[in-house]
Structures are given as C-alpha cells and as structure tokens.
Amino acid sequence: MKKILITLSITAAFLIAVPPYFLGFSIFNLGHAVQVGTSLSAKLACSARYVSGFDDQQIASDLSSYSPVTELVELQWSESPSQVSANLFGLAPTVATYRDGIGCSLDHDEGFDLDSLAVQKTEIRPDVEWPRGSLVTTINSELQSTLDNIIQQDNEQGLNSRAMVVVQDGKIVAEAYGDNTHPETPLLGWSMAKSVTAMMLGRLELEGKVSRDTSGLFPEWNDERANLKLHDLLQMSSGLTFDETYAPGSDATYMLFTAPSASDVAMTSPQGYKPSTHFSYSSGTTNLLSRYIQQLLDNQPQNTMNFLTRELFAPAGIATATFETDPSGVLVGSSYLYASGRDWARLGLMMAENGEINGYQVLAPEWVEAASTPNNSDNEKAYGYQFWLNRGDEQLRWPSLPEDAYAMMGNRKQSVMVIPSEQVVLVRLGWTSGEYPMEQNYKDLLQSM
C-alpha cells in the first residue's frame, strides 16, 4: 500500500489554535467537519485516481481548493482492491472503494452490495465520425485558434480549464485540452449530473413508464407531500425545505459525504412552500428524482445501471461516462457523473437536436421543449427541468448570448451550453474555485463562427 501525506507546514497544535472560520467550519460542527474533511477527500481522491486517472499532485491540488482542512488529511492508496483511505490525525477514518464501471463510493456498514453491479460499456468505432464514433475531421481552423487562445489564457490565469469542446451543426468544430487531460478523459461534472438525471426521466416518459403530472411519488410521503408532482421536483419548485449550504452540519454535506443514502436526507424534508410557487435550488431534490427512477425500475440498482447504459448512453455513443452511486446503490443524481468533454457534448447535442442523436429518438421533442421552458415560480423562473435558462426572468441570465440558450452547470464552473437557434453546443470542464468568464468566452466563440 502506497502512503501519501498531504499536508501544509503546520502542526496539529496549529490546527487547534487557528480560528475555525479559517478552516472553513463552525466550532459547533467540529465533529462533522472532521468527518466531511476525510469523506470528501477519500471520495474525490478515489474518483480522481481511478476514474479520471489523475496523479497525486493533481489530486492534492484539487482537494486543497475546497478547504484548508483537506490539506491536513492523510491519504493511503491501495491498488488491490482499488481504495483510498483517509483520516485527519487519526480521526474520522474513511474508505472509498472503486469498482469498474460503477466508480467510487464511500464504504458504509449500511449499504448495498455494490460488488454485485455490472455495467456494460458502450463500444464506439474509431473510424466512424463523431458523434456515432470517435473520429473528428471537421475542425474549423479559425475557431480552433480562438479556442486555443481561450484555454491558454484561462490556464495562464490559474483558472484550470481542462476540456473545451465546440459543436456546430452536429459536428465538433473545435476542441482543446489542458495538461493531463485528453479527449477521452472522464471529468467530473458535479451538478451537470442533475440535467442527465432529468434526461433519464425524459426517456422513461417516452417509454410510457411515467408522466410529469404523476403525484403520490413515494410511499413515505403520506402527508401534504403526496400532492407533489414530478413536474414540481424537476423544476426545483417542490416547496420542500433543504439546506443547500455546503458547510459541515448542513443537509447537503451530510447527504454527499456521511449518509449511507443520499436520498434519505431529502426524503424527510418538510413542505415549506406551496408547490410550483417557490424556486429553491436543491441537490436533495435531484437525489429524490434518482430514487424515484430506481423505484420505477423495481428498486433494483442493476436495472437502473442497465437502463442508463441501454437507453441513454449507448444510443448517444457515450463510452467514457461513469455515474456513481451512494452506498445504498442509488445514483447520486445531483453530483457524481464523470464523462469526457466529447461525451458531455453528446449529451448537449441530444438536447439541441430535440432529443435525437445518431438516428435514435431518445427524448420526445415535447419533453425537450418543456425542459427548456421557464417555470412558474414567484422568485426565479429561468430554470427548467434541471437546466439553467437564459430567459424567464426580467433580465437575461447571460445577456450577450442568444435568448434561447440554456445550460447544464456544475461546481468548479462546469458547463454544457445548448443554443438551439445556432445549432451550437459549448462545453467547458475545469476546476475553478473562483469566478470564470464563461459568458465572455462563449460569446467570443460564437463570434468566431
């Protein structure tokens, strides 16, 4: 077992001495903060190594961007089985395990037998043009030059852009990659997974297995929540209360880093607003959607994996994607989908083409239209079915982009921008902890077309 110590030149005594706010947590949540620090480190390090293929230095840098606490976490690597163990000065020991096709999940005593799951990977031909295959012969030299300049400037400024892909009229016309990344590197989309979770429900609807007007979603909801419709959850306007703050002690951190079942956390959320009246961005809501998908598929994790591959990934030619589960075997639909820049672009292209890709009608055009239509909430209408919209509120979200633009978006400034009027899809994957000039960069790319 290879041992790596990720540390700053400070001691445990300094950890106690420095103010809690410097470490990124309240002293009242110290116990949970330590657990979150080790769990986050183990989970992200495991996926970074065994899914994305990053080295120790890259992993340490990525973790440190979240909290100084992670720089004090000791990581131990095991290749057989593929695991990462983490502890903080011997406290809160945590293990994350990698499984081929399944990715990494935190080990938990209360969990599903994830070793029993199998994923059939999509095979695509290297001699067939993208998106059906992996051959790309349609690069626009002028546009490629613009994109090369953007990613170079990004990384000179420390913005850490890793993959950028431009699709026009169904073809890749420019793509660029940062250090340690190539066209097949699976990269974490964070909350872009939410959009894909919605697309799974769109596929289930086309197959006649669900309706957006369905209510009585969960047997556990035998109160006013029984009136909630699937439509309400898709638009983040269910009115359920969920603490999306990413700090120790919150619903969100408990859900992602300590709970054996991510959806269990949101399942207990009380009704705070009348359905459809109040938009509230909630990763918990998306994990309820993941749970509902599995419920529709007979509560069998293997059925969910089979459906995902057969009905969504395979028709699109997506071969690099890994959608990870929580310890209970339910997809973490809010956060844990890894895919290459080209595969994220395939997902965007499916939306841009009204649900069709490679000759397959994966989603109904009516569903795609509804997914990109503003909601009816009182406070923020520019959000569809787990997609951020440019239109819907008094001002455009991205004033310099076409009004019909909408996007998958995720932490660290991930984005897949779909612009139907231009038949364009723009992808950016990276690891930016601060601001990122997405709108300006996408505007420059559009002007170069």
Protein backbone atom coordinates (compact mmCIF):
# COMPACT_ATOMS: atom_id res chain seq x y z
CA MET A 1 0.00 0.00 0.00
CA LYS A 2 1.37 3.34 -1.07
CA LYS A 3 1.08 6.11 1.50
CA ILE A 4 0.87 9.80 0.66
CA LEU A 5 0.79 12.51 3.27
CA ILE A 6 -0.99 15.64 2.07
CA THR A 7 -0.02 18.38 4.48
CA LEU A 8 0.95 22.01 4.96
CA SER A 9 3.93 23.01 7.06
CA ILE A 10 1.71 23.34 10.09
CA THR A 11 1.07 21.05 13.03
CA ALA A 12 -1.91 19.64 14.83
CA ALA A 13 -1.38 22.26 17.51
CA PHE A 14 -1.81 24.96 14.89
CA LEU A 15 -4.99 23.28 13.71
CA ILE A 16 -6.41 23.75 17.21
CA ALA A 17 -5.08 27.27 17.54
CA VAL A 18 -6.31 28.82 14.30
CA PRO A 19 -9.82 30.29 14.15
CA PRO A 20 -12.50 27.83 12.97
CA TYR A 21 -13.58 30.16 10.16
CA PHE A 22 -10.10 29.89 8.65
CA LEU A 23 -10.59 26.13 8.41
CA GLY A 24 -13.97 26.54 6.77
CA PHE A 25 -16.32 25.33 9.52
CA SER A 26 -18.02 26.40 12.73
CA ILE A 27 -16.66 25.11 16.04
CA PHE A 28 -20.19 23.86 16.78
CA ASN A 29 -19.88 21.43 13.87
CA LEU A 30 -16.32 20.38 14.58
CA GLY A 31 -17.09 16.65 14.68
CA HIS A 32 -18.98 16.67 11.42
CA ALA A 33 -16.36 18.95 9.86
CA VAL A 34 -13.64 16.38 10.51
CA GLN A 35 -15.82 13.64 9.04
CA VAL A 36 -16.65 15.74 5.98
CA GLY A 37 -12.96 16.53 5.51
CA THR A 38 -11.96 12.86 5.42
CA SER A 39 -15.01 11.69 3.48
CA LEU A 40 -14.71 14.40 0.82
CA SER A 41 -11.00 13.69 0.48
CA ALA A 42 -11.42 9.92 0.21
CA LYS A 43 -14.31 10.11 -2.27
CA LEU A 44 -12.89 12.75 -4.60
CA ALA A 45 -9.36 11.32 -4.46
CA CYS A 46 -10.66 7.85 -5.28
CA SER A 47 -12.59 9.04 -8.34
CA ALA A 48 -9.81 11.36 -9.46
CA ARG A 49 -7.32 8.49 -9.43
CA TYR A 50 -9.36 5.54 -10.67
CA VAL A 51 -11.93 7.26 -12.91
CA SER A 52 -10.09 10.31 -14.27
CA GLY A 53 -6.57 8.90 -13.99
CA PHE A 54 -5.03 11.93 -12.27
CA ASP A 55 -1.74 11.78 -10.39
CA ASP A 56 -1.06 12.52 -6.71
CA GLN A 57 -0.04 16.12 -7.27
CA GLN A 58 -3.18 16.92 -9.27
CA ILE A 59 -5.39 15.25 -6.69
CA ALA A 60 -3.80 17.14 -3.80
CA SER A 61 -4.20 20.45 -5.62
CA ASP A 62 -7.85 19.78 -6.45
CA LEU A 63 -8.72 18.82 -2.89
CA SER A 64 -7.00 21.83 -1.37
CA SER A 65 -9.23 24.17 -3.39
CA TYR A 66 -12.19 23.18 -1.20
CA SER A 67 -10.85 23.74 2.31
CA PRO A 68 -7.53 24.03 4.14
CA VAL A 69 -8.73 21.05 6.18
CA THR A 70 -8.19 18.73 3.23
CA GLU A 71 -4.50 19.68 3.16
CA LEU A 72 -4.14 18.04 6.56
CA VAL A 73 -5.82 14.79 5.56
CA GLU A 74 -3.64 11.71 5.26
CA LEU A 75 -4.48 9.54 2.26
CA GLN A 76 -3.48 5.92 1.81
CA TRP A 77 -3.79 4.24 -1.57
CA SER A 78 -4.48 0.59 -2.27
CA GLU A 79 -4.41 -0.91 -5.75
CA SER A 80 -5.92 -4.30 -4.89
CA PRO A 81 -8.67 -3.60 -4.11
CA SER A 82 -8.70 -0.09 -5.57
CA GLN A 83 -9.34 2.03 -2.50
CA VAL A 84 -8.44 5.29 -0.83
CA SER A 85 -8.37 5.57 2.97
CA ALA A 86 -8.41 8.95 4.70
CA ASN A 87 -8.00 10.23 8.25
CA LEU A 88 -7.29 13.53 9.97
CA PHE A 89 -4.67 12.98 12.67
CA GLY A 90 -6.18 9.53 13.18
CA LEU A 91 -9.73 10.89 13.44
CA ALA A 92 -12.75 10.01 11.27
CA PRO A 93 -11.14 7.23 9.24
CA THR A 94 -12.96 6.83 5.93
CA VAL A 95 -12.58 4.48 2.96
CA ALA A 96 -13.77 4.94 -0.62
CA THR A 97 -13.73 1.94 -2.97
CA TYR A 98 -13.56 1.92 -6.77
CA ARG A 99 -15.47 -0.61 -8.86
CA ASP A 100 -15.09 -0.84 -12.62
CA GLY A 101 -17.98 0.87 -14.38
CA ILE A 102 -19.50 1.96 -11.07
CA GLY A 103 -16.83 4.41 -9.95
CA CYS A 104 -16.13 5.23 -6.32
CA SER A 105 -18.42 5.14 -3.31
CA LEU A 106 -17.78 5.63 0.37
CA ASP A 107 -17.74 2.37 2.30
CA HIS A 108 -20.57 2.12 4.80
CA ASP A 109 -21.86 -0.60 7.09
CA GLU A 110 -25.40 0.13 5.90
CA GLY A 111 -25.04 -0.35 2.20
CA PHE A 112 -25.98 -2.31 -0.90
CA ASP A 113 -23.59 -4.94 -2.27
CA LEU A 114 -22.09 -2.70 -4.95
CA ASP A 115 -19.72 -5.50 -5.97
CA SER A 116 -22.75 -7.27 -7.45
CA LEU A 117 -23.34 -4.50 -10.01
CA ALA A 118 -22.05 -4.77 -13.56
CA VAL A 119 -22.00 -2.11 -16.27
CA GLN A 120 -21.77 -2.91 -19.96
CA LYS A 121 -19.65 -0.17 -21.50
CA THR A 122 -20.63 1.30 -24.86
CA GLU A 123 -18.30 0.43 -27.71
CA ILE A 124 -17.71 3.05 -30.39
CA ARG A 125 -15.65 2.76 -33.56
CA PRO A 126 -12.53 4.89 -34.00
CA ASP A 127 -13.03 5.04 -37.78
CA VAL A 128 -16.57 6.46 -37.64
CA GLU A 129 -17.30 10.18 -37.42
CA TRP A 130 -18.33 11.75 -34.12
CA PRO A 131 -20.91 11.57 -32.51
CA ARG A 132 -21.58 7.99 -33.62
CA GLY A 133 -17.84 7.20 -33.45
CA SER A 134 -14.70 8.90 -32.19
CA LEU A 135 -13.27 10.20 -35.47
CA VAL A 136 -13.11 14.01 -35.71
CA THR A 137 -12.26 15.52 -39.11
CA THR A 138 -14.39 18.67 -39.00
CA ILE A 139 -12.19 21.17 -37.14
CA ASN A 140 -12.65 24.82 -38.16
CA SER A 141 -9.11 26.25 -38.08
CA GLU A 142 -10.18 29.83 -37.28
CA LEU A 143 -12.47 28.71 -34.49
CA GLN A 144 -9.81 26.32 -33.20
CA SER A 145 -7.38 29.20 -32.95
CA THR A 146 -9.89 31.17 -30.88
CA LEU A 147 -10.45 28.22 -28.58
CA ASP A 148 -6.72 27.58 -28.20
CA ASN A 149 -6.25 31.19 -27.13
CA ILE A 150 -9.11 30.93 -24.62
CA ILE A 151 -7.82 27.82 -22.89
CA GLN A 152 -4.26 29.16 -22.88
CA GLN A 153 -5.38 32.43 -21.26
CA ASP A 154 -7.55 30.51 -18.80
CA ASN A 155 -4.67 28.42 -17.59
CA GLU A 156 -2.16 31.26 -17.55
CA GLN A 157 -4.60 32.96 -15.15
CA GLY A 158 -4.85 29.83 -12.99
CA LEU A 159 -8.43 29.07 -14.00
CA ASN A 160 -7.58 25.43 -14.64
CA SER A 161 -9.63 24.69 -17.75
CA ARG A 162 -9.29 21.02 -18.65
CA ALA A 163 -11.52 20.38 -21.64
CA MET A 164 -13.41 22.66 -24.03
CA VAL A 165 -15.45 21.39 -26.97
CA VAL A 166 -17.42 23.32 -29.59
CA VAL A 167 -20.14 21.61 -31.61
CA GLN A 168 -21.87 23.24 -34.56
CA ASP A 169 -24.48 21.57 -36.77
CA GLY A 170 -23.84 18.23 -35.10
CA LYS A 171 -20.07 18.23 -35.62
CA ILE A 172 -17.09 19.00 -33.42
CA VAL A 173 -15.56 22.13 -34.94
CA ALA A 174 -13.02 22.88 -32.20
CA GLU A 175 -11.69 21.21 -29.06
CA ALA A 176 -8.86 21.96 -26.65
CA TYR A 177 -7.44 20.27 -23.57
CA GLY A 178 -5.36 21.27 -20.58
CA ASP A 179 -2.45 19.43 -19.02
CA ASN A 180 -3.04 15.78 -18.07
CA THR A 181 -6.33 15.73 -19.99
CA HIS A 182 -7.20 14.33 -23.43
CA PRO A 183 -10.39 13.72 -25.49
CA GLU A 184 -11.23 10.52 -23.58
CA THR A 185 -10.51 11.71 -20.00
CA PRO A 186 -13.64 11.36 -17.83
CA LEU A 187 -14.14 14.60 -15.89
CA LEU A 188 -16.46 15.36 -13.01
CA GLY A 189 -19.47 17.45 -14.00
CA TRP A 190 -20.73 17.99 -10.44
CA SER A 191 -24.26 19.43 -10.75
CA MET A 192 -24.39 18.89 -14.50
CA ALA A 193 -25.42 15.39 -13.43
CA LYS A 194 -28.76 16.92 -12.44
CA SER A 195 -29.60 17.58 -16.08
CA VAL A 196 -28.75 14.00 -17.02
CA THR A 197 -30.94 12.70 -14.19
CA ALA A 198 -33.79 14.69 -15.72
CA MET A 199 -32.98 13.25 -19.14
CA MET A 200 -33.33 9.74 -17.70
CA LEU A 201 -36.85 10.66 -16.62
CA GLY A 202 -37.48 12.10 -20.06
CA ARG A 203 -36.55 8.75 -21.56
CA LEU A 204 -38.79 6.91 -19.09
CA GLU A 205 -41.63 9.21 -20.11
CA LEU A 206 -41.13 8.45 -23.81
CA GLU A 207 -41.33 4.76 -22.93
CA GLY A 208 -44.65 5.37 -21.18
CA LYS A 209 -43.36 4.49 -17.72
CA VAL A 210 -44.00 7.84 -16.08
CA SER A 211 -45.81 11.15 -16.52
CA ARG A 212 -44.67 14.57 -15.37
CA ASP A 213 -48.10 15.03 -13.80
CA THR A 214 -47.64 11.98 -11.57
CA SER A 215 -48.20 12.62 -7.85
CA GLY A 216 -48.00 10.31 -4.86
CA LEU A 217 -44.33 9.81 -5.70
CA PHE A 218 -43.15 8.00 -2.58
CA PRO A 219 -44.99 5.74 -0.12
CA GLU A 220 -43.12 7.53 2.69
CA TRP A 221 -44.98 10.74 1.83
CA ASN A 222 -48.37 10.18 3.44
CA ASP A 223 -48.92 13.86 4.23
CA GLU A 224 -49.26 17.01 2.10
CA ARG A 225 -46.17 15.98 0.11
CA ALA A 226 -48.28 13.28 -1.53
CA ASN A 227 -49.72 16.07 -3.69
CA LEU A 228 -46.34 16.97 -5.16
CA LYS A 229 -46.00 16.23 -8.87
CA LEU A 230 -42.90 15.00 -10.64
CA HIS A 231 -43.03 18.26 -12.60
CA ASP A 232 -42.53 20.21 -9.36
CA LEU A 233 -39.38 18.30 -8.44
CA LEU A 234 -37.95 18.60 -11.94
CA GLN A 235 -38.28 22.40 -11.79
CA MET A 236 -36.90 22.70 -8.23
CA SER A 237 -40.22 24.23 -7.23
CA SER A 238 -41.49 21.47 -4.96
CA GLY A 239 -41.51 23.76 -1.93
CA LEU A 240 -39.53 21.21 0.11
CA THR A 241 -37.05 22.74 2.53
CA PHE A 242 -33.47 21.56 2.09
CA ASP A 243 -30.30 23.25 3.30
CA GLU A 244 -28.08 23.51 0.19
CA THR A 245 -25.29 25.24 2.13
CA TYR A 246 -22.01 23.39 1.66
CA ALA A 247 -20.71 23.52 5.20
CA PRO A 248 -20.39 20.91 7.94
CA GLY A 249 -23.72 20.24 9.59
CA SER A 250 -25.83 21.11 6.53
CA ASP A 251 -28.21 18.80 4.67
CA ALA A 252 -26.02 18.95 1.55
CA THR A 253 -22.75 17.87 3.15
CA TYR A 254 -24.45 15.19 5.23
CA MET A 255 -26.13 13.90 2.06
CA LEU A 256 -22.96 13.69 -0.05
CA PHE A 257 -20.31 12.75 2.48
CA THR A 258 -21.72 10.93 5.50
CA ALA A 259 -25.19 9.48 4.84
CA PRO A 260 -25.49 5.87 3.62
CA SER A 261 -28.39 7.00 1.42
CA ALA A 262 -28.26 10.44 -0.20
CA SER A 263 -31.97 10.46 -0.96
CA ASP A 264 -32.89 9.60 2.63
CA VAL A 265 -31.72 13.05 3.70
CA ALA A 266 -34.13 14.87 1.40
CA MET A 267 -36.91 12.33 1.93
CA THR A 268 -37.57 13.86 5.36
CA SER A 269 -37.65 17.47 4.09
CA PRO A 270 -40.88 19.18 5.20
CA GLN A 271 -43.12 21.21 2.92
CA GLY A 272 -42.17 24.86 3.27
CA TYR A 273 -43.97 26.45 0.30
CA LYS A 274 -46.96 25.69 -1.85
CA PRO A 275 -45.86 23.56 -4.87
CA SER A 276 -44.85 25.46 -8.03
CA THR A 277 -44.73 28.84 -6.26
CA HIS A 278 -41.16 29.00 -4.97
CA PHE A 279 -37.92 28.04 -6.73
CA SER A 280 -35.21 26.69 -4.42
CA TYR A 281 -32.11 25.07 -5.84
CA SER A 282 -31.76 21.75 -4.07
CA SER A 283 -29.39 18.85 -4.70
CA GLY A 284 -31.59 16.89 -2.33
CA THR A 285 -34.48 17.25 -4.74
CA THR A 286 -32.42 15.74 -7.56
CA ASN A 287 -31.47 12.78 -5.42
CA LEU A 288 -35.16 12.23 -4.78
CA LEU A 289 -35.53 12.05 -8.57
CA SER A 290 -32.78 9.43 -8.66
CA ARG A 291 -34.59 7.44 -6.01
CA TYR A 292 -37.82 7.74 -7.97
CA ILE A 293 -36.10 6.45 -11.11
CA GLN A 294 -34.89 3.41 -9.22
CA GLN A 295 -38.38 2.93 -7.76
CA LEU A 296 -39.80 2.90 -11.30
CA LEU A 297 -37.23 0.22 -12.19
CA ASP A 298 -38.36 -2.16 -9.44
CA ASN A 299 -35.93 -0.77 -6.85
CA GLN A 300 -33.10 -2.75 -8.42
CA PRO A 301 -29.76 -0.91 -8.80
CA GLN A 302 -28.76 -3.24 -11.61
CA ASN A 303 -31.92 -2.30 -13.52
CA THR A 304 -31.00 1.37 -13.16
CA MET A 305 -27.49 0.77 -14.49
CA ASN A 306 -28.85 -1.26 -17.41
CA PHE A 307 -31.40 1.41 -18.25
CA LEU A 308 -28.85 4.21 -18.11
CA THR A 309 -26.47 2.44 -20.48
CA ARG A 310 -29.01 0.92 -22.85
CA GLU A 311 -31.45 3.81 -23.16
CA LEU A 312 -29.27 6.92 -22.81
CA PHE A 313 -25.55 6.32 -23.17
CA ALA A 314 -25.43 3.66 -25.89
CA PRO A 315 -27.68 5.48 -28.42
CA ALA A 316 -25.63 8.65 -27.97
CA GLY A 317 -22.29 6.84 -28.40
CA ILE A 318 -21.21 7.71 -24.85
CA ALA A 319 -18.39 5.38 -23.82
CA THR A 320 -16.44 7.22 -21.09
CA ALA A 321 -19.25 8.00 -18.65
CA THR A 322 -19.33 6.74 -15.07
CA PHE A 323 -22.39 7.63 -12.99
CA GLU A 324 -21.60 6.85 -9.36
CA THR A 325 -23.97 5.59 -6.69
CA ASP A 326 -24.24 6.20 -2.97
CA PRO A 327 -23.61 3.24 -0.61
CA SER A 328 -27.28 2.25 -0.94
CA GLY A 329 -26.91 1.67 -4.68
CA VAL A 330 -28.92 4.70 -5.86
CA LEU A 331 -27.30 7.04 -8.38
CA VAL A 332 -26.08 10.30 -6.83
CA GLY A 333 -28.02 12.18 -9.45
CA SER A 334 -27.13 15.56 -8.01
CA SER A 335 -23.38 15.35 -8.36
CA TYR A 336 -21.34 12.33 -9.38
CA LEU A 337 -21.25 11.88 -13.14
CA TYR A 338 -17.87 11.67 -14.89
CA ALA A 339 -17.55 11.87 -18.68
CA SER A 340 -15.16 13.17 -21.30
CA GLY A 341 -15.61 16.57 -22.92
CA ARG A 342 -16.80 14.85 -26.09
CA ASP A 343 -19.36 12.78 -24.18
CA TRP A 344 -20.70 15.80 -22.32
CA ALA A 345 -21.01 17.39 -25.77
CA ARG A 346 -23.01 14.39 -26.97
CA LEU A 347 -25.49 14.95 -24.14
CA GLY A 348 -25.79 18.60 -25.09
CA LEU A 349 -26.23 17.69 -28.75
CA MET A 350 -29.11 15.39 -27.87
CA MET A 351 -30.91 18.36 -26.33
CA ALA A 352 -30.01 20.69 -29.21
CA GLU A 353 -31.44 18.16 -31.69
CA ASN A 354 -34.80 17.89 -29.91
CA GLY A 355 -33.97 14.59 -28.26
CA GLU A 356 -32.49 12.85 -31.31
CA ILE A 357 -28.93 11.62 -31.76
CA ASN A 358 -27.32 9.11 -34.10
CA GLY A 359 -30.72 8.32 -35.60
CA TYR A 360 -32.31 7.50 -32.22
CA GLN A 361 -35.20 9.50 -30.77
CA VAL A 362 -34.05 9.24 -27.15
CA LEU A 363 -36.24 12.04 -25.79
CA ALA A 364 -39.55 13.36 -27.06
CA PRO A 365 -39.31 16.83 -28.68
CA GLU A 366 -42.16 17.94 -26.38
CA TRP A 367 -40.14 16.91 -23.35
CA VAL A 368 -37.07 18.83 -24.57
CA GLU A 369 -39.25 21.90 -25.10
CA ALA A 370 -40.70 21.60 -21.60
CA ALA A 371 -37.24 21.06 -20.11
CA SER A 372 -36.07 24.37 -21.59
CA THR A 373 -39.21 26.35 -20.68
CA PRO A 374 -39.23 28.75 -17.68
CA ASN A 375 -41.01 27.63 -14.53
CA ASN A 376 -43.94 29.44 -12.90
CA SER A 377 -42.37 30.25 -9.54
CA ASP A 378 -42.66 33.66 -7.93
CA ASN A 379 -38.96 34.22 -7.39
CA GLU A 380 -36.82 32.69 -10.17
CA LYS A 381 -38.34 31.50 -13.42
CA ALA A 382 -35.18 30.98 -15.50
CA TYR A 383 -34.88 27.30 -14.66
CA GLY A 384 -36.38 24.33 -16.46
CA TYR A 385 -36.10 20.60 -15.85
CA GLN A 386 -32.73 20.69 -14.05
CA PHE A 387 -31.36 23.10 -16.69
CA TRP A 388 -30.45 26.76 -16.14
CA LEU A 389 -32.19 29.02 -18.70
CA ASN A 390 -31.14 32.32 -20.20
CA ARG A 391 -34.75 33.52 -20.39
CA GLY A 392 -37.62 33.57 -17.95
CA ASP A 393 -36.84 36.46 -15.61
CA GLU A 394 -36.93 40.21 -16.25
CA GLN A 395 -33.31 40.17 -17.41
CA LEU A 396 -31.46 37.51 -19.34
CA ARG A 397 -29.13 35.39 -17.25
CA TRP A 398 -26.41 35.74 -19.94
CA PRO A 399 -27.26 38.98 -21.82
CA SER A 400 -24.60 38.56 -24.51
CA LEU A 401 -25.79 35.06 -25.50
CA PRO A 402 -28.88 34.19 -27.57
CA GLU A 403 -32.12 34.29 -25.61
CA ASP A 404 -32.86 30.59 -26.15
CA ALA A 405 -29.57 29.44 -24.61
CA TYR A 406 -29.78 27.04 -21.67
CA ALA A 407 -27.19 25.03 -19.81
CA MET A 408 -26.13 22.22 -17.58
CA MET A 409 -23.95 23.80 -14.91
CA GLY A 410 -21.82 22.45 -12.10
CA ASN A 411 -19.43 23.36 -9.30
CA ARG A 412 -15.96 24.49 -10.35
CA LYS A 413 -17.59 26.23 -13.33
CA GLN A 414 -18.52 23.21 -15.41
CA SER A 415 -20.97 23.95 -18.20
CA VAL A 416 -22.64 22.49 -21.27
CA MET A 417 -24.33 25.37 -23.07
CA VAL A 418 -27.05 24.49 -25.58
CA ILE A 419 -28.07 27.15 -28.12
CA PRO A 420 -30.77 25.66 -30.37
CA SER A 421 -31.15 28.74 -32.61
CA GLU A 422 -27.47 28.49 -33.57
CA GLN A 423 -27.34 24.67 -33.51
CA VAL A 424 -24.37 25.06 -31.19
CA VAL A 425 -23.22 23.23 -28.06
CA LEU A 426 -20.38 24.65 -25.96
CA VAL A 427 -18.63 22.59 -23.29
CA ARG A 428 -16.22 23.71 -20.59
CA LEU A 429 -14.82 21.42 -17.90
CA GLY A 430 -12.28 22.52 -15.32
CA TRP A 431 -11.55 23.18 -11.67
CA THR A 432 -12.04 26.89 -10.99
CA SER A 433 -12.74 27.81 -7.39
CA GLY A 434 -13.49 31.49 -8.07
CA GLU A 435 -15.06 33.40 -10.94
CA TYR A 436 -14.85 32.18 -14.53
CA PRO A 437 -15.61 34.27 -17.68
CA MET A 438 -17.97 31.68 -19.20
CA GLU A 439 -20.30 34.13 -20.88
CA GLN A 440 -17.47 36.17 -22.42
CA ASN A 441 -15.62 33.08 -23.64
CA TYR A 442 -18.75 31.62 -25.18
CA LYS A 443 -19.57 34.96 -26.79
CA ASP A 444 -16.09 35.06 -28.35
CA LEU A 445 -16.53 31.55 -29.71
CA LEU A 446 -19.92 32.39 -31.24
CA GLN A 447 -18.45 35.47 -32.90
CA SER A 448 -15.70 33.33 -34.45
CA MET A 449 -18.20 31.04 -36.18
